[in-house]
Protein backbone atom coordinates (compact mmCIF):
# COMPACT_ATOMS: atom_id res chain seq x y z
CA MET A 1 -20.74 9.66 8.18
CA LYS A 2 -21.03 6.42 10.12
CA THR A 3 -21.19 4.34 6.93
CA SER A 4 -18.13 6.10 5.52
CA CYS A 5 -16.12 5.32 8.67
CA ILE A 6 -17.09 1.65 8.61
CA ILE A 7 -16.21 1.32 4.92
CA THR A 8 -12.86 3.05 5.50
CA ILE A 9 -12.02 0.71 8.39
CA ILE A 10 -12.94 -2.40 6.38
CA ILE A 11 -10.85 -1.28 3.40
CA GLY A 12 -7.92 -0.38 5.69
CA VAL A 13 -7.95 -3.76 7.41
CA ALA A 14 -8.17 -5.57 4.05
CA TYR A 15 -5.23 -3.48 2.78
CA TYR A 16 -3.04 -4.48 5.75
CA VAL A 17 -4.03 -8.15 5.52
CA ALA A 18 -3.25 -8.20 1.79
CA ALA A 19 0.13 -6.54 2.41
CA TYR A 20 0.97 -9.05 5.13
CA PHE A 21 0.10 -12.16 3.10
CA PHE A 22 0.89 -11.12 -0.49
CA CYS A 23 3.77 -8.65 -0.20
CA HIS A 24 6.46 -10.32 1.89
CA ILE A 25 9.92 -8.92 1.11
CA ASP A 26 12.78 -11.40 1.38
CA PRO A 27 16.06 -9.58 2.23
CA GLU A 28 18.12 -12.28 0.47
CA LYS A 29 16.35 -11.93 -2.89
CA THR A 30 17.15 -9.29 -5.52
CA TYR A 31 13.97 -7.65 -6.79
CA THR A 32 13.37 -6.20 -10.26
CA TRP A 33 11.08 -3.47 -11.62
CA TYR A 34 7.79 -5.39 -11.53
CA SER A 35 8.33 -6.18 -7.84
CA GLY A 36 8.85 -2.44 -7.31
CA ILE A 37 5.33 -1.84 -8.59
CA TRP A 38 3.88 -4.46 -6.24
CA HIS A 39 5.84 -3.27 -3.20
CA GLY A 40 5.02 0.35 -4.00
CA ILE A 41 1.29 -0.40 -3.92
CA PHE A 42 1.65 -1.74 -0.37
CA TRP A 43 4.21 0.80 0.87
CA PHE A 44 2.20 2.27 3.74
CA PRO A 45 1.14 -0.96 5.45
CA ASN A 46 4.69 -2.30 5.08
CA ILE A 47 6.13 0.81 6.73
CA VAL A 48 3.73 0.55 9.65
CA MET A 49 4.25 -3.21 10.08
CA SER A 50 8.05 -2.81 9.82
CA LEU A 51 7.92 -0.61 12.93
CA PHE A 52 6.67 -3.59 14.92
CA SER A 53 8.70 -6.41 13.36
CA ASP A 54 12.30 -6.70 12.18
CA SER A 55 11.33 -9.37 9.64
CA ILE A 56 9.01 -7.06 7.65
CA TYR A 57 10.62 -4.60 5.23
CA ALA A 58 9.10 -1.47 3.71
CA LYS A 59 11.48 -1.56 0.71
CA ALA A 60 13.70 -4.36 -0.53
CA PRO A 61 17.32 -4.01 0.59
CA ASN A 62 18.58 -5.84 -2.54
CA CYS A 63 17.03 -4.29 -5.62
CA THR A 64 17.73 -2.94 -9.08
CA THR A 65 17.49 0.68 -10.18
CA GLY A 66 14.27 -0.18 -12.01
CA TYR A 67 12.82 -1.46 -8.75
CA THR A 68 13.57 1.83 -7.00
CA VAL A 69 12.08 3.92 -9.83
CA PHE A 70 8.89 1.87 -10.08
CA TYR A 71 8.62 1.61 -6.30
CA PHE A 72 8.43 5.38 -5.92
CA LEU A 73 6.22 5.79 -9.00
CA SER A 74 3.79 3.24 -7.56
CA ILE A 75 3.75 5.09 -4.24
CA ILE A 76 2.76 8.30 -6.02
CA VAL A 77 0.13 6.66 -8.24
CA SER A 78 -1.42 4.61 -5.42
CA SER A 79 -1.59 7.71 -3.19
CA VAL A 80 -3.35 9.72 -5.89
CA ILE A 81 -5.78 6.89 -6.68
CA GLY A 82 -6.47 6.39 -2.96
CA ASN A 83 -7.35 10.07 -2.56
CA ILE A 84 -9.63 9.96 -5.61
CA ILE A 85 -11.45 6.90 -4.25
CA ARG A 86 -11.78 8.48 -0.81
CA GLY A 87 -13.21 11.67 -2.30
CA ALA A 88 -15.63 9.73 -4.49
CA SER A 89 -16.85 7.63 -1.55
CA GLU A 90 -17.41 10.76 0.55
CA THR A 91 -19.40 12.32 -2.30
CA ILE A 92 -21.58 9.21 -2.60
CA VAL A 93 -22.25 9.14 1.14
CA GLU A 94 -23.11 12.87 1.14
CA LYS A 95 -25.60 12.40 -1.72
CA LYS A 96 -27.37 9.63 0.21
CA SER A 97 -27.79 11.87 3.26
């Protein structure tokens, strides 16, 4: 239990740091479909950070239709993969106990 919490915290912090440094959304730039995938992967940290700063965006204000489609598809896929990884890590920790 303790190990699982520590691993979850480390992964969460790394996820937020990666979103902050590698997923900056410029409101002046028009983003295409492949940026939608990248921004969709980091949707949750961007939403949380956008609550505290006006310069951080959760979704690009200037984007194509492809961006919007792949943004939401990436949110769904990353959420499912995150739940699978979380379940697998809990199973591994339970087997060790």
